[in-house]
Amino acid sequence: MSTGPNRILDEFAKLVTDAAGAAQGVRREVETAFRAQAERLLNSMEIVQREEFDAVRDMAAKAREENAKLAARIEALEAQLAGSAGDKAEKPASTTSAKPRAKK
């Protein structure tokens, strides 16, 4: 058993070690309380979380790409319709006359 200054220093070191552990525990509690309060504040402000924002941004980009593809497809179909309508207009009308329908 140590006596004198060594015992006092040992007790002091033990006290400091216990105080450091207690301080870390208090720090964790304060940090947890702060995070919870900040989260409540952000939720009340209806601020979007980063994951949700990224998901919506990706959906919007995909929708824009699809929209561009569909617009190009519509233009191609309209050009095809205009071309086939132009072909029909250029063909001469048939020389055979249509027979009138008989009424019943």
PDB file of N, CA and C in Angstrom:
ATOM      1  N   MET A   1       0.840  -1.165   0.000  1.00  0.00           N
ATOM      2  CA  MET A   1       0.000   0.000   0.000  1.00  0.00           C
ATOM      3  C   MET A   1       0.889   1.233   0.000  1.00  0.00           C
ATOM      4  N   SER A   2       0.624   2.133  -0.958  1.00  0.00           N
ATOM      5  CA  SER A   2       1.482   3.299  -1.061  1.00  0.00           C
ATOM      6  C   SER A   2       0.996   4.381  -0.096  1.00  0.00           C
ATOM      7  N   THR A   3       1.906   5.126   0.363  1.00  0.00           N
ATOM      8  CA  THR A   3       1.580   6.185   1.312  1.00  0.00           C
ATOM      9  C   THR A   3       2.187   7.483   0.846  1.00  0.00           C
ATOM     10  N   GLY A   4       1.735   8.546   1.380  1.00  0.00           N
ATOM     11  CA  GLY A   4       2.337   9.835   1.090  1.00  0.00           C
ATOM     12  C   GLY A   4       1.919  10.397  -0.253  1.00  0.00           C
ATOM     13  N   PRO A   5       2.863  11.072  -0.933  1.00  0.00           N
ATOM     14  CA  PRO A   5       2.551  11.773  -2.182  1.00  0.00           C
ATOM     15  C   PRO A   5       2.107  10.834  -3.301  1.00  0.00           C
ATOM     16  N   ASN A   6       2.649   9.603  -3.343  1.00  0.00           N
ATOM     17  CA  ASN A   6       2.250   8.667  -4.391  1.00  0.00           C
ATOM     18  C   ASN A   6       0.767   8.325  -4.289  1.00  0.00           C
ATOM     19  N   ARG A   7       0.292   8.133  -3.083  1.00  0.00           N
ATOM     20  CA  ARG A   7      -1.125   7.803  -2.892  1.00  0.00           C
ATOM     21  C   ARG A   7      -2.005   8.978  -3.305  1.00  0.00           C
ATOM     22  N   ILE A   8      -1.598  10.169  -2.993  1.00  0.00           N
ATOM     23  CA  ILE A   8      -2.362  11.366  -3.355  1.00  0.00           C
ATOM     24  C   ILE A   8      -2.391  11.509  -4.875  1.00  0.00           C
ATOM     25  N   LEU A   9      -1.242  11.282  -5.512  1.00  0.00           N
ATOM     26  CA  LEU A   9      -1.191  11.376  -6.976  1.00  0.00           C
ATOM     27  C   LEU A   9      -2.041  10.286  -7.634  1.00  0.00           C
ATOM     28  N   ASP A  10      -2.022   9.087  -7.079  1.00  0.00           N
ATOM     29  CA  ASP A  10      -2.851   8.004  -7.611  1.00  0.00           C
ATOM     30  C   ASP A  10      -4.332   8.349  -7.491  1.00  0.00           C
ATOM     31  N   GLU A  11      -4.722   8.853  -6.361  1.00  0.00           N
ATOM     32  CA  GLU A  11      -6.120   9.246  -6.154  1.00  0.00           C
ATOM     33  C   GLU A  11      -6.510  10.386  -7.096  1.00  0.00           C
ATOM     34  N   PHE A  12      -5.586  11.337  -7.272  1.00  0.00           N
ATOM     35  CA  PHE A  12      -5.851  12.458  -8.171  1.00  0.00           C
ATOM     36  C   PHE A  12      -5.981  11.977  -9.617  1.00  0.00           C
ATOM     37  N   ALA A  13      -5.128  11.057 -10.032  1.00  0.00           N
ATOM     38  CA  ALA A  13      -5.188  10.513 -11.397  1.00  0.00           C
ATOM     39  C   ALA A  13      -6.503   9.757 -11.601  1.00  0.00           C
ATOM     40  N   LYS A  14      -6.890   8.996 -10.590  1.00  0.00           N
ATOM     41  CA  LYS A  14      -8.167   8.274 -10.681  1.00  0.00           C
ATOM     42  C   LYS A  14      -9.331   9.249 -10.784  1.00  0.00           C
ATOM     43  N   LEU A  15      -9.288  10.315 -10.003  1.00  0.00           N
ATOM     44  CA  LEU A  15     -10.336  11.333 -10.033  1.00  0.00           C
ATOM     45  C   LEU A  15     -10.415  12.006 -11.394  1.00  0.00           C
ATOM     46  N   VAL A  16      -9.260  12.336 -11.964  1.00  0.00           N
ATOM     47  CA  VAL A  16      -9.221  12.982 -13.284  1.00  0.00           C
ATOM     48  C   VAL A  16      -9.752  12.023 -14.354  1.00  0.00           C
ATOM     49  N   THR A  17      -9.387  10.757 -14.267  1.00  0.00           N
ATOM     50  CA  THR A  17      -9.864   9.761 -15.230  1.00  0.00           C
ATOM     51  C   THR A  17     -11.382   9.620 -15.141  1.00  0.00           C
ATOM     52  N   ASP A  18     -11.904   9.552 -13.943  1.00  0.00           N
ATOM     53  CA  ASP A  18     -13.358   9.458 -13.765  1.00  0.00           C
ATOM     54  C   ASP A  18     -14.060  10.717 -14.279  1.00  0.00           C
ATOM     55  N   ALA A  19     -13.456  11.866 -14.040  1.00  0.00           N
ATOM     56  CA  ALA A  19     -14.040  13.127 -14.498  1.00  0.00           C
ATOM     57  C   ALA A  19     -14.050  13.192 -16.023  1.00  0.00           C
ATOM     58  N   ALA A  20     -12.974  12.697 -16.648  1.00  0.00           N
ATOM     59  CA  ALA A  20     -12.913  12.703 -18.118  1.00  0.00           C
ATOM     60  C   ALA A  20     -13.996  11.788 -18.690  1.00  0.00           C
ATOM     61  N   GLY A  21     -14.194  10.627 -18.067  1.00  0.00           N
ATOM     62  CA  GLY A  21     -15.247   9.719 -18.521  1.00  0.00           C
ATOM     63  C   GLY A  21     -16.622  10.339 -18.350  1.00  0.00           C
ATOM     64  N   ALA A  22     -16.850  11.002 -17.231  1.00  0.00           N
ATOM     65  CA  ALA A  22     -18.127  11.670 -16.989  1.00  0.00           C
ATOM     66  C   ALA A  22     -18.335  12.805 -17.990  1.00  0.00           C
ATOM     67  N   ALA A  23     -17.267  13.545 -18.287  1.00  0.00           N
ATOM     68  CA  ALA A  23     -17.369  14.647 -19.246  1.00  0.00           C
ATOM     69  C   ALA A  23     -17.738  14.122 -20.631  1.00  0.00           C
ATOM     70  N   GLN A  24     -17.167  12.987 -21.022  1.00  0.00           N
ATOM     71  CA  GLN A  24     -17.515  12.406 -22.321  1.00  0.00           C
ATOM     72  C   GLN A  24     -18.970  11.964 -22.339  1.00  0.00           C
ATOM     73  N   GLY A  25     -19.448  11.402 -21.243  1.00  0.00           N
ATOM     74  CA  GLY A  25     -20.849  11.001 -21.155  1.00  0.00           C
ATOM     75  C   GLY A  25     -21.775  12.200 -21.275  1.00  0.00           C
ATOM     76  N   VAL A  26     -21.428  13.289 -20.597  1.00  0.00           N
ATOM     77  CA  VAL A  26     -22.220  14.516 -20.677  1.00  0.00           C
ATOM     78  C   VAL A  26     -22.181  15.063 -22.096  1.00  0.00           C
ATOM     79  N   ARG A  27     -21.013  15.016 -22.719  1.00  0.00           N
ATOM     80  CA  ARG A  27     -20.892  15.507 -24.104  1.00  0.00           C
ATOM     81  C   ARG A  27     -21.799  14.727 -25.038  1.00  0.00           C
ATOM     82  N   ARG A  28     -21.837  13.396 -24.883  1.00  0.00           N
ATOM     83  CA  ARG A  28     -22.705  12.570 -25.729  1.00  0.00           C
ATOM     84  C   ARG A  28     -24.173  12.905 -25.502  1.00  0.00           C
ATOM     85  N   GLU A  29     -24.547  13.115 -24.258  1.00  0.00           N
ATOM     86  CA  GLU A  29     -25.939  13.460 -23.953  1.00  0.00           C
ATOM     87  C   GLU A  29     -26.310  14.804 -24.551  1.00  0.00           C
ATOM     88  N   VAL A  30     -25.430  15.789 -24.414  1.00  0.00           N
ATOM     89  CA  VAL A  30     -25.697  17.116 -24.982  1.00  0.00           C
ATOM     90  C   VAL A  30     -25.771  17.030 -26.499  1.00  0.00           C
ATOM     91  N   GLU A  31     -24.879  16.280 -27.087  1.00  0.00           N
ATOM     92  CA  GLU A  31     -24.874  16.114 -28.548  1.00  0.00           C
ATOM     93  C   GLU A  31     -26.173  15.462 -29.022  1.00  0.00           C
ATOM     94  N   THR A  32     -26.614  14.422 -28.327  1.00  0.00           N
ATOM     95  CA  THR A  32     -27.855  13.738 -28.687  1.00  0.00           C
ATOM     96  C   THR A  32     -29.048  14.677 -28.547  1.00  0.00           C
ATOM     97  N   ALA A  33     -29.090  15.435 -27.462  1.00  0.00           N
ATOM     98  CA  ALA A  33     -30.186  16.384 -27.246  1.00  0.00           C
ATOM     99  C   ALA A  33     -30.174  17.468 -28.320  1.00  0.00           C
ATOM    100  N   PHE A  34     -28.990  17.948 -28.670  1.00  0.00           N
ATOM    101  CA  PHE A  34     -28.889  18.984 -29.701  1.00  0.00           C
ATOM    102  C   PHE A  34     -29.364  18.460 -31.050  1.00  0.00           C
ATOM    103  N   ARG A  35     -28.940  17.247 -31.398  1.00  0.00           N
ATOM    104  CA  ARG A  35     -29.370  16.656 -32.677  1.00  0.00           C
ATOM    105  C   ARG A  35     -30.881  16.475 -32.723  1.00  0.00           C
ATOM    106  N   ALA A  36     -31.456  15.998 -31.626  1.00  0.00           N
ATOM    107  CA  ALA A  36     -32.902  15.796 -31.579  1.00  0.00           C
ATOM    108  C   ALA A  36     -33.633  17.126 -31.736  1.00  0.00           C
ATOM    109  N   GLN A  37     -33.153  18.154 -31.055  1.00  0.00           N
ATOM    110  CA  GLN A  37     -33.785  19.475 -31.153  1.00  0.00           C
ATOM    111  C   GLN A  37     -33.636  20.042 -32.564  1.00  0.00           C
ATOM    112  N   ALA A  38     -32.462  19.904 -33.155  1.00  0.00           N
ATOM    113  CA  ALA A  38     -32.241  20.402 -34.518  1.00  0.00           C
ATOM    114  C   ALA A  38     -33.123  19.654 -35.510  1.00  0.00           C
ATOM    115  N   GLU A  39     -33.257  18.345 -35.323  1.00  0.00           N
ATOM    116  CA  GLU A  39     -34.107  17.554 -36.214  1.00  0.00           C
ATOM    117  C   GLU A  39     -35.569  17.981 -36.098  1.00  0.00           C
ATOM    118  N   ARG A  40     -36.028  18.218 -34.868  1.00  0.00           N
ATOM    119  CA  ARG A  40     -37.405  18.699 -34.672  1.00  0.00           C
ATOM    120  C   ARG A  40     -37.604  20.041 -35.353  1.00  0.00           C
ATOM    121  N   LEU A  41     -36.638  20.934 -35.216  1.00  0.00           N
ATOM    122  CA  LEU A  41     -36.731  22.254 -35.833  1.00  0.00           C
ATOM    123  C   LEU A  41     -36.790  22.140 -37.353  1.00  0.00           C
ATOM    124  N   LEU A  42     -35.924  21.320 -37.936  1.00  0.00           N
ATOM    125  CA  LEU A  42     -35.912  21.155 -39.394  1.00  0.00           C
ATOM    126  C   LEU A  42     -37.197  20.502 -39.892  1.00  0.00           C
ATOM    127  N   ASN A  43     -37.729  19.545 -39.127  1.00  0.00           N
ATOM    128  CA  ASN A  43     -38.988  18.904 -39.528  1.00  0.00           C
ATOM    129  C   ASN A  43     -40.148  19.888 -39.471  1.00  0.00           C
ATOM    130  N   SER A  44     -40.144  20.773 -38.501  1.00  0.00           N
ATOM    131  CA  SER A  44     -41.225  21.755 -38.409  1.00  0.00           C
ATOM    132  C   SER A  44     -41.139  22.774 -39.543  1.00  0.00           C
ATOM    133  N   MET A  45     -39.935  22.978 -40.081  1.00  0.00           N
ATOM    134  CA  MET A  45     -39.763  23.907 -41.199  1.00  0.00           C
ATOM    135  C   MET A  45     -40.027  23.223 -42.536  1.00  0.00           C
ATOM    136  N   GLU A  46     -40.306  21.937 -42.515  1.00  0.00           N
ATOM    137  CA  GLU A  46     -40.577  21.143 -43.715  1.00  0.00           C
ATOM    138  C   GLU A  46     -39.420  21.207 -44.713  1.00  0.00           C
ATOM    139  N   ILE A  47     -38.218  21.119 -44.218  1.00  0.00           N
ATOM    140  CA  ILE A  47     -37.037  21.103 -45.072  1.00  0.00           C
ATOM    141  C   ILE A  47     -36.822  19.669 -45.558  1.00  0.00           C
ATOM    142  N   VAL A  48     -36.534  19.527 -46.824  1.00  0.00           N
ATOM    143  CA  VAL A  48     -36.377  18.213 -47.434  1.00  0.00           C
ATOM    144  C   VAL A  48     -35.029  17.614 -47.042  1.00  0.00           C
ATOM    145  N   GLN A  49     -35.032  16.307 -46.794  1.00  0.00           N
ATOM    146  CA  GLN A  49     -33.781  15.628 -46.506  1.00  0.00           C
ATOM    147  C   GLN A  49     -33.010  15.423 -47.804  1.00  0.00           C
ATOM    148  N   ARG A  50     -31.719  15.281 -47.696  1.00  0.00           N
ATOM    149  CA  ARG A  50     -30.852  15.171 -48.863  1.00  0.00           C
ATOM    150  C   ARG A  50     -31.211  13.963 -49.722  1.00  0.00           C
ATOM    151  N   GLU A  51     -31.510  12.834 -49.081  1.00  0.00           N
ATOM    152  CA  GLU A  51     -31.840  11.616 -49.829  1.00  0.00           C
ATOM    153  C   GLU A  51     -33.094  11.821 -50.673  1.00  0.00           C
ATOM    154  N   GLU A  52     -34.114  12.490 -50.086  1.00  0.00           N
ATOM    155  CA  GLU A  52     -35.346  12.745 -50.833  1.00  0.00           C
ATOM    156  C   GLU A  52     -35.082  13.682 -51.999  1.00  0.00           C
ATOM    157  N   PHE A  53     -34.276  14.715 -51.765  1.00  0.00           N
ATOM    158  CA  PHE A  53     -33.958  15.665 -52.819  1.00  0.00           C
ATOM    159  C   PHE A  53     -33.249  14.975 -53.976  1.00  0.00           C
ATOM    160  N   ASP A  54     -32.267  14.135 -53.657  1.00  0.00           N
ATOM    161  CA  ASP A  54     -31.527  13.415 -54.704  1.00  0.00           C
ATOM    162  C   ASP A  54     -32.446  12.496 -55.490  1.00  0.00           C
ATOM    163  N   ALA A  55     -33.380  11.830 -54.807  1.00  0.00           N
ATOM    164  CA  ALA A  55     -34.303  10.926 -55.491  1.00  0.00           C
ATOM    165  C   ALA A  55     -35.198  11.699 -56.454  1.00  0.00           C
ATOM    166  N   VAL A  56     -35.721  12.826 -56.023  1.00  0.00           N
ATOM    167  CA  VAL A  56     -36.595  13.628 -56.887  1.00  0.00           C
ATOM    168  C   VAL A  56     -35.809  14.219 -58.050  1.00  0.00           C
ATOM    169  N   ARG A  57     -34.563  14.636 -57.793  1.00  0.00           N
ATOM    170  CA  ARG A  57     -33.729  15.182 -58.870  1.00  0.00           C
ATOM    171  C   ARG A  57     -33.466  14.123 -59.940  1.00  0.00           C
ATOM    172  N   ASP A  58     -33.179  12.890 -59.504  1.00  0.00           N
ATOM    173  CA  ASP A  58     -32.953  11.802 -60.455  1.00  0.00           C
ATOM    174  C   ASP A  58     -34.219  11.498 -61.251  1.00  0.00           C
ATOM    175  N   MET A  59     -35.369  11.524 -60.584  1.00  0.00           N
ATOM    176  CA  MET A  59     -36.631  11.280 -61.284  1.00  0.00           C
ATOM    177  C   MET A  59     -36.885  12.363 -62.332  1.00  0.00           C
ATOM    178  N   ALA A  60     -36.605  13.621 -61.988  1.00  0.00           N
ATOM    179  CA  ALA A  60     -36.806  14.730 -62.924  1.00  0.00           C
ATOM    180  C   ALA A  60     -35.880  14.599 -64.133  1.00  0.00           C
ATOM    181  N   ALA A  61     -34.640  14.207 -63.906  1.00  0.00           N
ATOM    182  CA  ALA A  61     -33.697  14.033 -65.021  1.00  0.00           C
ATOM    183  C   ALA A  61     -34.171  12.916 -65.949  1.00  0.00           C
ATOM    184  N   LYS A  62     -34.653  11.822 -65.352  1.00  0.00           N
ATOM    185  CA  LYS A  62     -35.150  10.711 -66.161  1.00  0.00           C
ATOM    186  C   LYS A  62     -36.385  11.136 -66.958  1.00  0.00           C
ATOM    187  N   ALA A  63     -37.261  11.921 -66.331  1.00  0.00           N
ATOM    188  CA  ALA A  63     -38.463  12.397 -67.022  1.00  0.00           C
ATOM    189  C   ALA A  63     -38.090  13.317 -68.179  1.00  0.00           C
ATOM    190  N   ARG A  64     -37.073  14.174 -67.989  1.00  0.00           N
ATOM    191  CA  ARG A  64     -36.629  15.055 -69.076  1.00  0.00           C
ATOM    192  C   ARG A  64     -36.094  14.246 -70.255  1.00  0.00           C
ATOM    193  N   GLU A  65     -35.311  13.209 -69.969  1.00  0.00           N
ATOM    194  CA  GLU A  65     -34.773  12.354 -71.036  1.00  0.00           C
ATOM    195  C   GLU A  65     -35.901  11.671 -71.796  1.00  0.00           C
ATOM    196  N   GLU A  66     -36.874  11.138 -71.042  1.00  0.00           N
ATOM    197  CA  GLU A  66     -38.009  10.470 -71.681  1.00  0.00           C
ATOM    198  C   GLU A  66     -38.797  11.452 -72.530  1.00  0.00           C
ATOM    199  N   ASN A  67     -38.980  12.660 -72.024  1.00  0.00           N
ATOM    200  CA  ASN A  67     -39.718  13.689 -72.751  1.00  0.00           C
ATOM    201  C   ASN A  67     -39.015  14.034 -74.062  1.00  0.00           C
ATOM    202  N   ALA A  68     -37.701  14.143 -74.027  1.00  0.00           N
ATOM    203  CA  ALA A  68     -36.943  14.449 -75.249  1.00  0.00           C
ATOM    204  C   ALA A  68     -37.075  13.315 -76.267  1.00  0.00           C
ATOM    205  N   LYS A  69     -37.013  12.057 -75.790  1.00  0.00           N
ATOM    206  CA  LYS A  69     -37.170  10.914 -76.701  1.00  0.00           C
ATOM    207  C   LYS A  69     -38.556  10.900 -77.322  1.00  0.00           C
ATOM    208  N   LEU A  70     -39.580  11.157 -76.498  1.00  0.00           N
ATOM    209  CA  LEU A  70     -40.948  11.157 -77.024  1.00  0.00           C
ATOM    210  C   LEU A  70     -41.171  12.307 -78.000  1.00  0.00           C
ATOM    211  N   ALA A  71     -40.581  13.472 -77.729  1.00  0.00           N
ATOM    212  CA  ALA A  71     -40.709  14.606 -78.651  1.00  0.00           C
ATOM    213  C   ALA A  71     -40.080  14.266 -79.998  1.00  0.00           C
ATOM    214  N   ALA A  72     -38.918  13.626 -79.981  1.00  0.00           N
ATOM    215  CA  ALA A  72     -38.261  13.232 -81.238  1.00  0.00           C
ATOM    216  C   ALA A  72     -39.111  12.205 -81.972  1.00  0.00           C
ATOM    217  N   ARG A  73     -39.711  11.295 -81.237  1.00  0.00           N
ATOM    218  CA  ARG A  73     -40.560  10.274 -81.865  1.00  0.00           C
ATOM    219  C   ARG A  73     -41.803  10.902 -82.490  1.00  0.00           C
ATOM    220  N   ILE A  74     -42.391  11.874 -81.803  1.00  0.00           N
ATOM    221  CA  ILE A  74     -43.569  12.570 -82.348  1.00  0.00           C
ATOM    222  C   ILE A  74     -43.197  13.317 -83.614  1.00  0.00           C
ATOM    223  N   GLU A  75     -42.053  13.989 -83.608  1.00  0.00           N
ATOM    224  CA  GLU A  75     -41.612  14.715 -84.810  1.00  0.00           C
ATOM    225  C   GLU A  75     -41.417  13.763 -85.978  1.00  0.00           C
ATOM    226  N   ALA A  76     -40.834  12.591 -85.712  1.00  0.00           N
ATOM    227  CA  ALA A  76     -40.619  11.614 -86.773  1.00  0.00           C
ATOM    228  C   ALA A  76     -41.953  11.105 -87.314  1.00  0.00           C
ATOM    229  N   LEU A  77     -42.890  10.840 -86.430  1.00  0.00           N
ATOM    230  CA  LEU A  77     -44.209  10.362 -86.876  1.00  0.00           C
ATOM    231  C   LEU A  77     -44.955  11.441 -87.660  1.00  0.00           C
ATOM    232  N   GLU A  78     -44.852  12.705 -87.203  1.00  0.00           N
ATOM    233  CA  GLU A  78     -45.498  13.797 -87.934  1.00  0.00           C
ATOM    234  C   GLU A  78     -44.877  13.966 -89.313  1.00  0.00           C
ATOM    235  N   ALA A  79     -43.563  13.828 -89.405  1.00  0.00           N
ATOM    236  CA  ALA A  79     -42.892  13.934 -90.712  1.00  0.00           C
ATOM    237  C   ALA A  79     -43.333  12.782 -91.611  1.00  0.00           C
ATOM    238  N   GLN A  80     -43.467  11.600 -91.033  1.00  0.00           N
ATOM    239  CA  GLN A  80     -43.910  10.442 -91.809  1.00  0.00           C
ATOM    240  C   GLN A  80     -45.346  10.645 -92.295  1.00  0.00           C
ATOM    241  N   LEU A  81     -46.210  11.181 -91.435  1.00  0.00           N
ATOM    242  CA  LEU A  81     -47.593  11.453 -91.842  1.00  0.00           C
ATOM    243  C   LEU A  81     -47.643  12.528 -92.924  1.00  0.00           C
ATOM    244  N   ALA A  82     -46.843  13.556 -92.775  1.00  0.00           N
ATOM    245  CA  ALA A  82     -46.818  14.623 -93.778  1.00  0.00           C
ATOM    246  C   ALA A  82     -46.323  14.075 -95.111  1.00  0.00           C
ATOM    247  N   GLY A  83     -45.346  13.181 -95.063  1.00  0.00           N
ATOM    248  CA  GLY A  83     -44.832  12.585 -96.298  1.00  0.00           C
ATOM    249  C   GLY A  83     -45.864  11.698 -96.963  1.00  0.00           C
ATOM    250  N   SER A  84     -46.586  10.896 -96.191  1.00  0.00           N
ATOM    251  CA  SER A  84     -47.591  10.017 -96.798  1.00  0.00           C
ATOM    252  C   SER A  84     -48.800  10.816 -97.266  1.00  0.00           C
ATOM    253  N   ALA A  85     -49.136  11.902 -96.632  1.00  0.00           N
ATOM    254  CA  ALA A  85     -50.245  12.751 -97.078  1.00  0.00           C
ATOM    255  C   ALA A  85     -49.858  13.460 -98.370  1.00  0.00           C
ATOM    256  N   GLY A  86     -48.595  13.843 -98.495  1.00  0.00           N
ATOM    257  CA  GLY A  86     -48.110  14.483 -99.716  1.00  0.00           C
ATOM    258  C   GLY A  86     -48.124  13.517-100.881  1.00  0.00           C
ATOM    259  N   ASP A  87     -47.823  12.233-100.650  1.00  0.00           N
ATOM    260  CA  ASP A  87     -47.846  11.222-101.702  1.00  0.00           C
ATOM    261  C   ASP A  87     -49.261  11.031-102.224  1.00  0.00           C
ATOM    262  N   LYS A  88     -50.222  11.018-101.346  1.00  0.00           N
ATOM    263  CA  LYS A  88     -51.621  10.815-101.754  1.00  0.00           C
ATOM    264  C   LYS A  88     -52.125  12.004-102.551  1.00  0.00           C
ATOM    265  N   ALA A  89     -51.698  13.191-102.204  1.00  0.00           N
ATOM    266  CA  ALA A  89     -52.147  14.387-102.922  1.00  0.00           C
ATOM    267  C   ALA A  89     -51.549  14.427-104.326  1.00  0.00           C
ATOM    268  N   GLU A  90     -50.372  13.895-104.528  1.00  0.00           N
ATOM    269  CA  GLU A  90     -49.725  13.933-105.824  1.00  0.00           C
ATOM    270  C   GLU A  90     -50.265  12.877-106.779  1.00  0.00           C
ATOM    271  N   LYS A  91     -50.832  11.798-106.270  1.00  0.00           N
ATOM    272  CA  LYS A  91     -51.360  10.748-107.139  1.00  0.00           C
ATOM    273  C   LYS A  91     -52.612  11.256-107.843  1.00  0.00           C
ATOM    274  N   PRO A  92     -52.744  10.954-109.129  1.00  0.00           N
ATOM    275  CA  PRO A  92     -53.954  11.402-109.837  1.00  0.00           C
ATOM    276  C   PRO A  92     -55.158  10.611-109.354  1.00  0.00           C
ATOM    277  N   ALA A  93     -56.302  11.246-109.464  1.00  0.00           N
ATOM    278  CA  ALA A  93     -57.535  10.602-109.033  1.00  0.00           C
ATOM    279  C   ALA A  93     -57.852   9.455-109.980  1.00  0.00           C
ATOM    280  N   SER A  94     -58.518   8.485-109.510  1.00  0.00           N
ATOM    281  CA  SER A  94     -58.874   7.307-110.299  1.00  0.00           C
ATOM    282  C   SER A  94     -59.846   7.708-111.407  1.00  0.00           C
ATOM    283  N   THR A  95     -59.694   7.089-112.619  1.00  0.00           N
ATOM    284  CA  THR A  95     -60.549   7.440-113.753  1.00  0.00           C
ATOM    285  C   THR A  95     -61.869   6.702-113.702  1.00  0.00           C
ATOM    286  N   THR A  96     -61.956   5.700-112.884  1.00  0.00           N
ATOM    287  CA  THR A  96     -63.252   5.005-112.793  1.00  0.00           C
ATOM    288  C   THR A  96     -64.150   5.797-111.875  1.00  0.00           C
ATOM    289  N   SER A  97     -65.369   5.964-112.342  1.00  0.00           N
ATOM    290  CA  SER A  97     -66.313   6.726-111.534  1.00  0.00           C
ATOM    291  C   SER A  97     -66.981   5.805-110.544  1.00  0.00           C
ATOM    292  N   ALA A  98     -67.257   6.343-109.443  1.00  0.00           N
ATOM    293  CA  ALA A  98     -67.900   5.563-108.404  1.00  0.00           C
ATOM    294  C   ALA A  98     -69.378   5.401-108.760  1.00  0.00           C
ATOM    295  N   LYS A  99     -69.921   4.240-108.524  1.00  0.00           N
ATOM    296  CA  LYS A  99     -71.322   3.989-108.783  1.00  0.00           C
ATOM    297  C   LYS A  99     -72.141   4.510-107.627  1.00  0.00           C
ATOM    298  N   PRO A 100     -73.230   5.210-107.927  1.00  0.00           N
ATOM    299  CA  PRO A 100     -74.064   5.695-106.841  1.00  0.00           C
ATOM    300  C   PRO A 100     -74.760   4.520-106.164  1.00  0.00           C
ATOM    301  N   ARG A 101     -74.960   4.647-104.903  1.00  0.00           N
ATOM    302  CA  ARG A 101     -75.634   3.591-104.148  1.00  0.00           C
ATOM    303  C   ARG A 101     -77.127   3.668-104.356  1.00  0.00           C
ATOM    304  N   ALA A 102     -77.666   2.538-104.380  1.00  0.00           N
ATOM    305  CA  ALA A 102     -79.124   2.486-104.529  1.00  0.00           C
ATOM    306  C   ALA A 102     -79.761   2.646-103.168  1.00  0.00           C
ATOM    307  N   LYS A 103     -80.834   3.422-103.119  1.00  0.00           N
ATOM    308  CA  LYS A 103     -81.532   3.643-101.862  1.00  0.00           C
ATOM    309  C   LYS A 103     -82.492   2.498-101.617  1.00  0.00           C
ATOM    310  N   LYS A 104     -82.648   2.145-100.432  1.00  0.00           N
ATOM    311  CA  LYS A 104     -83.586   1.067-100.082  1.00  0.00           C
ATOM    312  C   LYS A 104     -84.901   1.596 -99.709  1.00  0.00           C
TER     313      LYS A 104
END
